[in-house]
Amino acid sequence: MTAWPSSLPDHVLQQGHTEALANVTSRSQMDSGPAKVRRRFTAGPKTVNAIVRLTTAQTQTLDTFHETTLVGGSLAFDWVLPRTQVATSFRFTAPPEYRPVGPGIWDATLKLEAMP
């Protein structure tokens, strides 16, 4: 499997980082009383939003990685889950978004799903 490019940071900024466990349940409203809840899957993808600080050159590397290597973000890649530091397979759920921080410095927001 394709790995996260070594020329890009392997750490994320704490500010703006979120991670949510997979929702593997199904809820059904009843005519009266509490909803019925059951497990639908044994595992599902975690939602991960991460921000990495990049130089302008690194934004071009990330663009090439997303558009060419991962075929527009449709393929999975190996990286480390920021919270646990465990090697994990990820997929993009949206293209990277860039916000300028200073001259030649950008914060890239990555919307990912960590595959089970």
PDB file of N, CA and C in Angstrom:
ATOM      1  N   MET A   1       0.849  -1.176   0.000  1.00  0.00           N
ATOM      2  CA  MET A   1       0.000   0.000   0.000  1.00  0.00           C
ATOM      3  C   MET A   1       0.897   1.243   0.000  1.00  0.00           C
ATOM      4  N   THR A   2       0.369   2.314  -0.530  1.00  0.00           N
ATOM      5  CA  THR A   2       1.087   3.584  -0.623  1.00  0.00           C
ATOM      6  C   THR A   2       1.256   4.187   0.768  1.00  0.00           C
ATOM      7  N   ALA A   3       2.414   4.726   1.031  1.00  0.00           N
ATOM      8  CA  ALA A   3       2.702   5.350   2.325  1.00  0.00           C
ATOM      9  C   ALA A   3       2.606   6.873   2.206  1.00  0.00           C
ATOM     10  N   TRP A   4       2.326   7.515   3.321  1.00  0.00           N
ATOM     11  CA  TRP A   4       2.348   8.976   3.413  1.00  0.00           C
ATOM     12  C   TRP A   4       3.731   9.445   2.982  1.00  0.00           C
ATOM     13  N   PRO A   5       3.843  10.469   2.135  1.00  0.00           N
ATOM     14  CA  PRO A   5       5.153  10.905   1.643  1.00  0.00           C
ATOM     15  C   PRO A   5       6.095  11.317   2.787  1.00  0.00           C
ATOM     16  N   SER A   6       7.317  10.843   2.714  1.00  0.00           N
ATOM     17  CA  SER A   6       8.293  11.148   3.760  1.00  0.00           C
ATOM     18  C   SER A   6       8.695  12.619   3.760  1.00  0.00           C
ATOM     19  N   SER A   7       8.474  13.331   2.655  1.00  0.00           N
ATOM     20  CA  SER A   7       8.820  14.751   2.598  1.00  0.00           C
ATOM     21  C   SER A   7       7.753  15.637   3.255  1.00  0.00           C
ATOM     22  N   LEU A   8       6.626  15.041   3.668  1.00  0.00           N
ATOM     23  CA  LEU A   8       5.583  15.783   4.374  1.00  0.00           C
ATOM     24  C   LEU A   8       5.689  15.512   5.868  1.00  0.00           C
ATOM     25  N   PRO A   9       5.217  16.445   6.712  1.00  0.00           N
ATOM     26  CA  PRO A   9       5.303  16.231   8.158  1.00  0.00           C
ATOM     27  C   PRO A   9       4.573  14.953   8.578  1.00  0.00           C
ATOM     28  N   ASP A  10       5.151  14.254   9.546  1.00  0.00           N
ATOM     29  CA  ASP A  10       4.504  13.045  10.052  1.00  0.00           C
ATOM     30  C   ASP A  10       3.719  13.319  11.335  1.00  0.00           C
ATOM     31  N   HIS A  11       3.588  14.574  11.699  1.00  0.00           N
ATOM     32  CA  HIS A  11       2.832  14.954  12.890  1.00  0.00           C
ATOM     33  C   HIS A  11       1.767  15.983  12.493  1.00  0.00           C
ATOM     34  N   VAL A  12       0.727  16.055  13.290  1.00  0.00           N
ATOM     35  CA  VAL A  12      -0.355  17.006  13.027  1.00  0.00           C
ATOM     36  C   VAL A  12      -0.373  18.055  14.133  1.00  0.00           C
ATOM     37  N   LEU A  13      -0.984  19.203  13.827  1.00  0.00           N
ATOM     38  CA  LEU A  13      -1.147  20.234  14.845  1.00  0.00           C
ATOM     39  C   LEU A  13      -2.257  19.806  15.804  1.00  0.00           C
ATOM     40  N   GLN A  14      -2.067  20.028  17.093  1.00  0.00           N
ATOM     41  CA  GLN A  14      -3.102  19.660  18.064  1.00  0.00           C
ATOM     42  C   GLN A  14      -4.346  20.510  17.889  1.00  0.00           C
ATOM     43  N   GLN A  15      -4.142  21.794  17.618  1.00  0.00           N
ATOM     44  CA  GLN A  15      -5.281  22.685  17.433  1.00  0.00           C
ATOM     45  C   GLN A  15      -6.010  22.288  16.156  1.00  0.00           C
ATOM     46  N   GLY A  16      -7.289  22.034  16.261  1.00  0.00           N
ATOM     47  CA  GLY A  16      -8.088  21.669  15.104  1.00  0.00           C
ATOM     48  C   GLY A  16      -8.150  20.181  14.820  1.00  0.00           C
ATOM     49  N   HIS A  17      -7.399  19.367  15.570  1.00  0.00           N
ATOM     50  CA  HIS A  17      -7.420  17.919  15.347  1.00  0.00           C
ATOM     51  C   HIS A  17      -8.644  17.315  16.032  1.00  0.00           C
ATOM     52  N   THR A  18      -9.389  16.506  15.293  1.00  0.00           N
ATOM     53  CA  THR A  18     -10.509  15.771  15.883  1.00  0.00           C
ATOM     54  C   THR A  18     -10.461  14.329  15.401  1.00  0.00           C
ATOM     55  N   GLU A  19     -10.995  13.459  16.241  1.00  0.00           N
ATOM     56  CA  GLU A  19     -11.091  12.043  15.898  1.00  0.00           C
ATOM     57  C   GLU A  19     -12.363  11.503  16.525  1.00  0.00           C
ATOM     58  N   ALA A  20     -13.142  10.767  15.756  1.00  0.00           N
ATOM     59  CA  ALA A  20     -14.389  10.197  16.261  1.00  0.00           C
ATOM     60  C   ALA A  20     -14.430   8.719  15.936  1.00  0.00           C
ATOM     61  N   LEU A  21     -14.843   7.940  16.913  1.00  0.00           N
ATOM     62  CA  LEU A  21     -15.001   6.513  16.684  1.00  0.00           C
ATOM     63  C   LEU A  21     -16.118   6.273  15.675  1.00  0.00           C
ATOM     64  N   ALA A  22     -16.079   5.131  15.041  1.00  0.00           N
ATOM     65  CA  ALA A  22     -17.094   4.776  14.052  1.00  0.00           C
ATOM     66  C   ALA A  22     -18.438   4.546  14.730  1.00  0.00           C
ATOM     67  N   ASN A  23     -19.494   4.993  14.083  1.00  0.00           N
ATOM     68  CA  ASN A  23     -20.838   4.716  14.569  1.00  0.00           C
ATOM     69  C   ASN A  23     -21.265   3.386  13.962  1.00  0.00           C
ATOM     70  N   VAL A  24     -21.304   2.353  14.773  1.00  0.00           N
ATOM     71  CA  VAL A  24     -21.624   1.009  14.283  1.00  0.00           C
ATOM     72  C   VAL A  24     -23.005   0.550  14.747  1.00  0.00           C
ATOM     73  N   THR A  25     -23.829   1.487  15.214  1.00  0.00           N
ATOM     74  CA  THR A  25     -25.149   1.115  15.703  1.00  0.00           C
ATOM     75  C   THR A  25     -26.260   1.630  14.795  1.00  0.00           C
ATOM     76  N   SER A  26     -27.402   1.020  14.941  1.00  0.00           N
ATOM     77  CA  SER A  26     -28.607   1.447  14.246  1.00  0.00           C
ATOM     78  C   SER A  26     -29.665   1.733  15.300  1.00  0.00           C
ATOM     79  N   ARG A  27     -30.316   2.901  15.198  1.00  0.00           N
ATOM     80  CA  ARG A  27     -31.356   3.293  16.150  1.00  0.00           C
ATOM     81  C   ARG A  27     -32.706   3.288  15.453  1.00  0.00           C
ATOM     82  N   SER A  28     -33.705   2.711  16.107  1.00  0.00           N
ATOM     83  CA  SER A  28     -35.073   2.693  15.592  1.00  0.00           C
ATOM     84  C   SER A  28     -35.989   3.287  16.649  1.00  0.00           C
ATOM     85  N   GLN A  29     -36.723   4.316  16.244  1.00  0.00           N
ATOM     86  CA  GLN A  29     -37.677   4.926  17.171  1.00  0.00           C
ATOM     87  C   GLN A  29     -38.883   3.997  17.338  1.00  0.00           C
ATOM     88  N   MET A  30     -39.337   3.867  18.539  1.00  0.00           N
ATOM     89  CA  MET A  30     -40.514   3.067  18.864  1.00  0.00           C
ATOM     90  C   MET A  30     -41.726   4.005  18.997  1.00  0.00           C
ATOM     91  N   ASP A  31     -42.921   3.461  18.912  1.00  0.00           N
ATOM     92  CA  ASP A  31     -44.128   4.276  19.104  1.00  0.00           C
ATOM     93  C   ASP A  31     -44.146   4.895  20.495  1.00  0.00           C
ATOM     94  N   SER A  32     -43.624   4.152  21.456  1.00  0.00           N
ATOM     95  CA  SER A  32     -43.506   4.682  22.818  1.00  0.00           C
ATOM     96  C   SER A  32     -42.279   4.055  23.464  1.00  0.00           C
ATOM     97  N   GLY A  33     -41.752   4.737  24.447  1.00  0.00           N
ATOM     98  CA  GLY A  33     -40.577   4.240  25.150  1.00  0.00           C
ATOM     99  C   GLY A  33     -39.288   4.592  24.441  1.00  0.00           C
ATOM    100  N   PRO A  34     -38.179   4.096  24.968  1.00  0.00           N
ATOM    101  CA  PRO A  34     -36.867   4.436  24.402  1.00  0.00           C
ATOM    102  C   PRO A  34     -36.653   3.775  23.036  1.00  0.00           C
ATOM    103  N   ALA A  35     -35.752   4.351  22.275  1.00  0.00           N
ATOM    104  CA  ALA A  35     -35.410   3.806  20.960  1.00  0.00           C
ATOM    105  C   ALA A  35     -34.744   2.450  21.108  1.00  0.00           C
ATOM    106  N   LYS A  36     -34.908   1.616  20.103  1.00  0.00           N
ATOM    107  CA  LYS A  36     -34.231   0.323  20.064  1.00  0.00           C
ATOM    108  C   LYS A  36     -32.884   0.549  19.389  1.00  0.00           C
ATOM    109  N   VAL A  37     -31.836   0.028  19.970  1.00  0.00           N
ATOM    110  CA  VAL A  37     -30.493   0.203  19.430  1.00  0.00           C
ATOM    111  C   VAL A  37     -29.868  -1.171  19.247  1.00  0.00           C
ATOM    112  N   ARG A  38     -29.260  -1.359  18.074  1.00  0.00           N
ATOM    113  CA  ARG A  38     -28.561  -2.620  17.829  1.00  0.00           C
ATOM    114  C   ARG A  38     -27.274  -2.332  17.070  1.00  0.00           C
ATOM    115  N   ARG A  39     -26.358  -3.239  17.203  1.00  0.00           N
ATOM    116  CA  ARG A  39     -25.087  -3.111  16.494  1.00  0.00           C
ATOM    117  C   ARG A  39     -25.276  -3.559  15.043  1.00  0.00           C
ATOM    118  N   ARG A  40     -24.831  -2.732  14.073  1.00  0.00           N
ATOM    119  CA  ARG A  40     -24.962  -3.060  12.652  1.00  0.00           C
ATOM    120  C   ARG A  40     -23.694  -3.683  12.089  1.00  0.00           C
ATOM    121  N   PHE A  41     -22.552  -3.264  12.596  1.00  0.00           N
ATOM    122  CA  PHE A  41     -21.271  -3.724  12.084  1.00  0.00           C
ATOM    123  C   PHE A  41     -20.355  -4.052  13.258  1.00  0.00           C
ATOM    124  N   THR A  42     -19.339  -4.862  12.997  1.00  0.00           N
ATOM    125  CA  THR A  42     -18.336  -5.122  14.029  1.00  0.00           C
ATOM    126  C   THR A  42     -17.244  -4.060  14.022  1.00  0.00           C
ATOM    127  N   ALA A  43     -17.073  -3.389  12.886  1.00  0.00           N
ATOM    128  CA  ALA A  43     -16.058  -2.324  12.787  1.00  0.00           C
ATOM    129  C   ALA A  43     -16.468  -1.354  11.695  1.00  0.00           C
ATOM    130  N   GLY A  44     -16.014  -0.129  11.828  1.00  0.00           N
ATOM    131  CA  GLY A  44     -16.288   0.890  10.826  1.00  0.00           C
ATOM    132  C   GLY A  44     -15.171   1.906  10.825  1.00  0.00           C
ATOM    133  N   PRO A  45     -15.137   2.790   9.836  1.00  0.00           N
ATOM    134  CA  PRO A  45     -14.057   3.777   9.766  1.00  0.00           C
ATOM    135  C   PRO A  45     -14.224   4.888  10.805  1.00  0.00           C
ATOM    136  N   LYS A  46     -13.097   5.280  11.399  1.00  0.00           N
ATOM    137  CA  LYS A  46     -13.074   6.431  12.305  1.00  0.00           C
ATOM    138  C   LYS A  46     -12.957   7.694  11.459  1.00  0.00           C
ATOM    139  N   THR A  47     -13.554   8.763  11.918  1.00  0.00           N
ATOM    140  CA  THR A  47     -13.439  10.051  11.247  1.00  0.00           C
ATOM    141  C   THR A  47     -12.279  10.817  11.877  1.00  0.00           C
ATOM    142  N   VAL A  48     -11.361  11.272  11.042  1.00  0.00           N
ATOM    143  CA  VAL A  48     -10.191  12.011  11.531  1.00  0.00           C
ATOM    144  C   VAL A  48     -10.071  13.307  10.732  1.00  0.00           C
ATOM    145  N   ASN A  49     -10.003  14.433  11.435  1.00  0.00           N
ATOM    146  CA  ASN A  49      -9.711  15.723  10.831  1.00  0.00           C
ATOM    147  C   ASN A  49      -8.375  16.181  11.396  1.00  0.00           C
ATOM    148  N   ALA A  50      -7.424  16.403  10.525  1.00  0.00           N
ATOM    149  CA  ALA A  50      -6.076  16.759  10.957  1.00  0.00           C
ATOM    150  C   ALA A  50      -5.605  17.996  10.209  1.00  0.00           C
ATOM    151  N   ILE A  51      -4.728  18.749  10.856  1.00  0.00           N
ATOM    152  CA  ILE A  51      -4.116  19.920  10.229  1.00  0.00           C
ATOM    153  C   ILE A  51      -2.601  19.728  10.279  1.00  0.00           C
ATOM    154  N   VAL A  52      -1.971  19.866   9.115  1.00  0.00           N
ATOM    155  CA  VAL A  52      -0.512  19.811   9.041  1.00  0.00           C
ATOM    156  C   VAL A  52      -0.013  21.141   8.496  1.00  0.00           C
ATOM    157  N   ARG A  53       1.093  21.614   9.027  1.00  0.00           N
ATOM    158  CA  ARG A  53       1.695  22.879   8.580  1.00  0.00           C
ATOM    159  C   ARG A  53       2.717  22.563   7.495  1.00  0.00           C
ATOM    160  N   LEU A  54       2.566  23.233   6.340  1.00  0.00           N
ATOM    161  CA  LEU A  54       3.383  22.934   5.172  1.00  0.00           C
ATOM    162  C   LEU A  54       4.006  24.180   4.578  1.00  0.00           C
ATOM    163  N   THR A  55       5.106  23.978   3.879  1.00  0.00           N
ATOM    164  CA  THR A  55       5.669  25.034   3.040  1.00  0.00           C
ATOM    165  C   THR A  55       4.920  25.009   1.708  1.00  0.00           C
ATOM    166  N   THR A  56       5.116  26.024   0.887  1.00  0.00           N
ATOM    167  CA  THR A  56       4.474  26.048  -0.432  1.00  0.00           C
ATOM    168  C   THR A  56       4.886  24.833  -1.257  1.00  0.00           C
ATOM    169  N   ALA A  57       6.162  24.451  -1.195  1.00  0.00           N
ATOM    170  CA  ALA A  57       6.634  23.271  -1.936  1.00  0.00           C
ATOM    171  C   ALA A  57       5.938  22.006  -1.438  1.00  0.00           C
ATOM    172  N   GLN A  58       5.724  21.911  -0.127  1.00  0.00           N
ATOM    173  CA  GLN A  58       5.057  20.728   0.426  1.00  0.00           C
ATOM    174  C   GLN A  58       3.580  20.668   0.022  1.00  0.00           C
ATOM    175  N   THR A  59       2.943  21.839  -0.181  1.00  0.00           N
ATOM    176  CA  THR A  59       1.550  21.807  -0.653  1.00  0.00           C
ATOM    177  C   THR A  59       1.486  21.189  -2.042  1.00  0.00           C
ATOM    178  N   GLN A  60       2.486  21.443  -2.858  1.00  0.00           N
ATOM    179  CA  GLN A  60       2.523  20.842  -4.188  1.00  0.00           C
ATOM    180  C   GLN A  60       2.725  19.329  -4.097  1.00  0.00           C
ATOM    181  N   THR A  61       3.546  18.896  -3.130  1.00  0.00           N
ATOM    182  CA  THR A  61       3.741  17.460  -2.904  1.00  0.00           C
ATOM    183  C   THR A  61       2.432  16.813  -2.469  1.00  0.00           C
ATOM    184  N   LEU A  62       1.708  17.470  -1.563  1.00  0.00           N
ATOM    185  CA  LEU A  62       0.434  16.932  -1.101  1.00  0.00           C
ATOM    186  C   LEU A  62      -0.585  16.886  -2.237  1.00  0.00           C
ATOM    187  N   ASP A  63      -0.619  17.929  -3.071  1.00  0.00           N
ATOM    188  CA  ASP A  63      -1.530  17.929  -4.222  1.00  0.00           C
ATOM    189  C   ASP A  63      -1.233  16.751  -5.154  1.00  0.00           C
ATOM    190  N   THR A  64       0.032  16.534  -5.452  1.00  0.00           N
ATOM    191  CA  THR A  64       0.427  15.416  -6.330  1.00  0.00           C
ATOM    192  C   THR A  64       0.075  14.079  -5.693  1.00  0.00           C
ATOM    193  N   PHE A  65       0.319  13.949  -4.386  1.00  0.00           N
ATOM    194  CA  PHE A  65      -0.005  12.720  -3.665  1.00  0.00           C
ATOM    195  C   PHE A  65      -1.504  12.438  -3.753  1.00  0.00           C
ATOM    196  N   HIS A  66      -2.325  13.459  -3.502  1.00  0.00           N
ATOM    197  CA  HIS A  66      -3.783  13.289  -3.517  1.00  0.00           C
ATOM    198  C   HIS A  66      -4.297  13.024  -4.933  1.00  0.00           C
ATOM    199  N   GLU A  67      -3.888  13.865  -5.895  1.00  0.00           N
ATOM    200  CA  GLU A  67      -4.461  13.798  -7.238  1.00  0.00           C
ATOM    201  C   GLU A  67      -3.892  12.666  -8.101  1.00  0.00           C
ATOM    202  N   THR A  68      -2.603  12.431  -8.005  1.00  0.00           N
ATOM    203  CA  THR A  68      -1.961  11.453  -8.885  1.00  0.00           C
ATOM    204  C   THR A  68      -1.776  10.099  -8.205  1.00  0.00           C
ATOM    205  N   THR A  69      -1.038  10.095  -7.095  1.00  0.00           N
ATOM    206  CA  THR A  69      -0.731   8.837  -6.424  1.00  0.00           C
ATOM    207  C   THR A  69      -1.990   8.141  -5.914  1.00  0.00           C
ATOM    208  N   LEU A  70      -2.892   8.916  -5.296  1.00  0.00           N
ATOM    209  CA  LEU A  70      -4.110   8.333  -4.724  1.00  0.00           C
ATOM    210  C   LEU A  70      -5.319   8.458  -5.658  1.00  0.00           C
ATOM    211  N   VAL A  71      -5.072   8.819  -6.905  1.00  0.00           N
ATOM    212  CA  VAL A  71      -6.112   8.906  -7.938  1.00  0.00           C
ATOM    213  C   VAL A  71      -7.291   9.752  -7.436  1.00  0.00           C
ATOM    214  N   GLY A  72      -6.986  11.004  -7.113  1.00  0.00           N
ATOM    215  CA  GLY A  72      -8.023  11.925  -6.646  1.00  0.00           C
ATOM    216  C   GLY A  72      -8.530  11.620  -5.247  1.00  0.00           C
ATOM    217  N   GLY A  73      -7.745  10.911  -4.468  1.00  0.00           N
ATOM    218  CA  GLY A  73      -8.134  10.579  -3.093  1.00  0.00           C
ATOM    219  C   GLY A  73      -8.952   9.306  -2.984  1.00  0.00           C
ATOM    220  N   SER A  74      -9.061   8.537  -4.067  1.00  0.00           N
ATOM    221  CA  SER A  74      -9.893   7.332  -4.038  1.00  0.00           C
ATOM    222  C   SER A  74      -9.179   6.112  -3.461  1.00  0.00           C
ATOM    223  N   LEU A  75      -7.862   6.147  -3.390  1.00  0.00           N
ATOM    224  CA  LEU A  75      -7.106   5.020  -2.849  1.00  0.00           C
ATOM    225  C   LEU A  75      -6.697   5.284  -1.401  1.00  0.00           C
ATOM    226  N   ALA A  76      -6.450   4.221  -0.669  1.00  0.00           N
ATOM    227  CA  ALA A  76      -6.013   4.318   0.723  1.00  0.00           C
ATOM    228  C   ALA A  76      -4.491   4.480   0.787  1.00  0.00           C
ATOM    229  N   PHE A  77      -4.033   5.001   1.924  1.00  0.00           N
ATOM    230  CA  PHE A  77      -2.595   5.146   2.167  1.00  0.00           C
ATOM    231  C   PHE A  77      -2.311   4.848   3.629  1.00  0.00           C
ATOM    232  N   ASP A  78      -1.074   4.484   3.921  1.00  0.00           N
ATOM    233  CA  ASP A  78      -0.650   4.168   5.283  1.00  0.00           C
ATOM    234  C   ASP A  78      -0.038   5.394   5.933  1.00  0.00           C
ATOM    235  N   TRP A  79      -0.445   5.646   7.172  1.00  0.00           N
ATOM    236  CA  TRP A  79       0.079   6.748   7.975  1.00  0.00           C
ATOM    237  C   TRP A  79      -0.109   6.346   9.423  1.00  0.00           C
ATOM    238  N   VAL A  80       0.274   7.188  10.350  1.00  0.00           N
ATOM    239  CA  VAL A  80       0.141   6.893  11.777  1.00  0.00           C
ATOM    240  C   VAL A  80      -1.046   7.664  12.336  1.00  0.00           C
ATOM    241  N   LEU A  81      -1.939   6.961  13.028  1.00  0.00           N
ATOM    242  CA  LEU A  81      -3.077   7.619  13.672  1.00  0.00           C
ATOM    243  C   LEU A  81      -2.535   8.561  14.736  1.00  0.00           C
ATOM    244  N   PRO A  82      -2.819   9.871  14.630  1.00  0.00           N
ATOM    245  CA  PRO A  82      -2.186  10.846  15.528  1.00  0.00           C
ATOM    246  C   PRO A  82      -2.382  10.573  17.018  1.00  0.00           C
ATOM    247  N   ARG A  83      -3.558  10.177  17.431  1.00  0.00           N
ATOM    248  CA  ARG A  83      -3.821  10.010  18.868  1.00  0.00           C
ATOM    249  C   ARG A  83      -3.104   8.800  19.457  1.00  0.00           C
ATOM    250  N   THR A  84      -3.092   7.688  18.736  1.00  0.00           N
ATOM    251  CA  THR A  84      -2.535   6.443  19.279  1.00  0.00           C
ATOM    252  C   THR A  84      -1.135   6.131  18.783  1.00  0.00           C
ATOM    253  N   GLN A  85      -0.707   6.804  17.706  1.00  0.00           N
ATOM    254  CA  GLN A  85       0.583   6.551  17.068  1.00  0.00           C
ATOM    255  C   GLN A  85       0.689   5.122  16.518  1.00  0.00           C
ATOM    256  N   VAL A  86      -0.452   4.560  16.107  1.00  0.00           N
ATOM    257  CA  VAL A  86      -0.505   3.225  15.521  1.00  0.00           C
ATOM    258  C   VAL A  86      -0.605   3.356  14.004  1.00  0.00           C
ATOM    259  N   ALA A  87       0.181   2.553  13.286  1.00  0.00           N
ATOM    260  CA  ALA A  87       0.117   2.558  11.823  1.00  0.00           C
ATOM    261  C   ALA A  87      -1.290   2.156  11.383  1.00  0.00           C
ATOM    262  N   THR A  88      -1.883   2.965  10.480  1.00  0.00           N
ATOM    263  CA  THR A  88      -3.271   2.799  10.079  1.00  0.00           C
ATOM    264  C   THR A  88      -3.413   3.113   8.598  1.00  0.00           C
ATOM    265  N   SER A  89      -4.400   2.504   7.957  1.00  0.00           N
ATOM    266  CA  SER A  89      -4.733   2.848   6.575  1.00  0.00           C
ATOM    267  C   SER A  89      -5.801   3.932   6.593  1.00  0.00           C
ATOM    268  N   PHE A  90      -5.607   4.957   5.754  1.00  0.00           N
ATOM    269  CA  PHE A  90      -6.524   6.092   5.677  1.00  0.00           C
ATOM    270  C   PHE A  90      -7.006   6.269   4.253  1.00  0.00           C
ATOM    271  N   ARG A  91      -8.161   6.939   4.122  1.00  0.00           N
ATOM    272  CA  ARG A  91      -8.650   7.456   2.845  1.00  0.00           C
ATOM    273  C   ARG A  91      -9.093   8.890   3.067  1.00  0.00           C
ATOM    274  N   PHE A  92      -8.926   9.716   2.043  1.00  0.00           N
ATOM    275  CA  PHE A  92      -9.448  11.076   2.086  1.00  0.00           C
ATOM    276  C   PHE A  92     -10.959  11.022   1.904  1.00  0.00           C
ATOM    277  N   THR A  93     -11.691  11.835   2.668  1.00  0.00           N
ATOM    278  CA  THR A  93     -13.130  11.981   2.443  1.00  0.00           C
ATOM    279  C   THR A  93     -13.428  13.276   1.701  1.00  0.00           C
ATOM    280  N   ALA A  94     -12.430  14.137   1.575  1.00  0.00           N
ATOM    281  CA  ALA A  94     -12.525  15.398   0.828  1.00  0.00           C
ATOM    282  C   ALA A  94     -11.100  15.809   0.454  1.00  0.00           C
ATOM    283  N   PRO A  95     -10.943  16.599  -0.592  1.00  0.00           N
ATOM    284  CA  PRO A  95      -9.603  17.074  -0.947  1.00  0.00           C
ATOM    285  C   PRO A  95      -9.030  17.970   0.159  1.00  0.00           C
ATOM    286  N   PRO A  96      -7.705  18.077   0.242  1.00  0.00           N
ATOM    287  CA  PRO A  96      -7.088  18.969   1.232  1.00  0.00           C
ATOM    288  C   PRO A  96      -7.527  20.417   1.022  1.00  0.00           C
ATOM    289  N   GLU A  97      -7.641  21.146   2.121  1.00  0.00           N
ATOM    290  CA  GLU A  97      -7.953  22.579   2.075  1.00  0.00           C
ATOM    291  C   GLU A  97      -6.778  23.327   2.695  1.00  0.00           C
ATOM    292  N   TYR A  98      -6.408  24.448   2.093  1.00  0.00           N
ATOM    293  CA  TYR A  98      -5.242  25.208   2.540  1.00  0.00           C
ATOM    294  C   TYR A  98      -5.651  26.569   3.079  1.00  0.00           C
ATOM    295  N   ARG A  99      -4.967  26.972   4.166  1.00  0.00           N
ATOM    296  CA  ARG A  99      -5.175  28.295   4.759  1.00  0.00           C
ATOM    297  C   ARG A  99      -3.806  28.913   4.959  1.00  0.00           C
ATOM    298  N   PRO A 100      -3.600  30.156   4.471  1.00  0.00           N
ATOM    299  CA  PRO A 100      -2.284  30.785   4.642  1.00  0.00           C
ATOM    300  C   PRO A 100      -2.029  31.141   6.105  1.00  0.00           C
ATOM    301  N   VAL A 101      -0.803  30.890   6.542  1.00  0.00           N
ATOM    302  CA  VAL A 101      -0.396  31.217   7.911  1.00  0.00           C
ATOM    303  C   VAL A 101       0.586  32.376   7.900  1.00  0.00           C
ATOM    304  N   GLY A 102       1.441  32.391   6.925  1.00  0.00           N
ATOM    305  CA  GLY A 102       2.456  33.430   6.776  1.00  0.00           C
ATOM    306  C   GLY A 102       3.084  33.275   5.409  1.00  0.00           C
ATOM    307  N   PRO A 103       4.085  34.087   5.100  1.00  0.00           N
ATOM    308  CA  PRO A 103       4.728  33.985   3.789  1.00  0.00           C
ATOM    309  C   PRO A 103       5.291  32.576   3.552  1.00  0.00           C
ATOM    310  N   GLY A 104       4.741  31.885   2.565  1.00  0.00           N
ATOM    311  CA  GLY A 104       5.231  30.554   2.209  1.00  0.00           C
ATOM    312  C   GLY A 104       4.855  29.452   3.173  1.00  0.00           C
ATOM    313  N   ILE A 105       3.953  29.721   4.129  1.00  0.00           N
ATOM    314  CA  ILE A 105       3.549  28.719   5.126  1.00  0.00           C
ATOM    315  C   ILE A 105       2.036  28.541   5.052  1.00  0.00           C
ATOM    316  N   TRP A 106       1.591  27.292   5.041  1.00  0.00           N
ATOM    317  CA  TRP A 106       0.179  26.966   4.886  1.00  0.00           C
ATOM    318  C   TRP A 106      -0.237  25.904   5.905  1.00  0.00           C
ATOM    319  N   ASP A 107      -1.460  26.016   6.408  1.00  0.00           N
ATOM    320  CA  ASP A 107      -2.061  24.938   7.187  1.00  0.00           C
ATOM    321  C   ASP A 107      -2.983  24.176   6.256  1.00  0.00           C
ATOM    322  N   ALA A 108      -2.734  22.875   6.124  1.00  0.00           N
ATOM    323  CA  ALA A 108      -3.560  22.022   5.278  1.00  0.00           C
ATOM    324  C   ALA A 108      -4.502  21.221   6.169  1.00  0.00           C
ATOM    325  N   THR A 109      -5.787  21.358   5.918  1.00  0.00           N
ATOM    326  CA  THR A 109      -6.786  20.579   6.646  1.00  0.00           C
ATOM    327  C   THR A 109      -7.057  19.306   5.866  1.00  0.00           C
ATOM    328  N   LEU A 110      -6.891  18.169   6.552  1.00  0.00           N
ATOM    329  CA  LEU A 110      -7.082  16.858   5.942  1.00  0.00           C
ATOM    330  C   LEU A 110      -8.304  16.200   6.557  1.00  0.00           C
ATOM    331  N   LYS A 111      -9.294  15.879   5.739  1.00  0.00           N
ATOM    332  CA  LYS A 111     -10.484  15.165   6.196  1.00  0.00           C
ATOM    333  C   LYS A 111     -10.316  13.718   5.764  1.00  0.00           C
ATOM    334  N   LEU A 112     -10.161  12.846   6.766  1.00  0.00           N
ATOM    335  CA  LEU A 112      -9.792  11.457   6.516  1.00  0.00           C
ATOM    336  C   LEU A 112     -10.729  10.487   7.209  1.00  0.00           C
ATOM    337  N   GLU A 113     -10.684   9.248   6.757  1.00  0.00           N
ATOM    338  CA  GLU A 113     -11.305   8.166   7.501  1.00  0.00           C
ATOM    339  C   GLU A 113     -10.238   7.103   7.720  1.00  0.00           C
ATOM    340  N   ALA A 114     -10.137   6.663   8.977  1.00  0.00           N
ATOM    341  CA  ALA A 114      -9.196   5.605   9.339  1.00  0.00           C
ATOM    342  C   ALA A 114      -9.915   4.289   9.146  1.00  0.00           C
ATOM    343  N   MET A 115      -9.388   3.456   8.279  1.00  0.00           N
ATOM    344  CA  MET A 115     -10.037   2.204   7.929  1.00  0.00           C
ATOM    345  C   MET A 115      -9.880   1.182   9.057  1.00  0.00           C
ATOM    346  N   PRO A 116     -10.917   0.380   9.284  1.00  0.00           N
ATOM    347  CA  PRO A 116     -10.835  -0.624  10.358  1.00  0.00           C
ATOM    348  C   PRO A 116      -9.866  -1.744  10.012  1.00  0.00           C
TER     349      PRO A 116
END
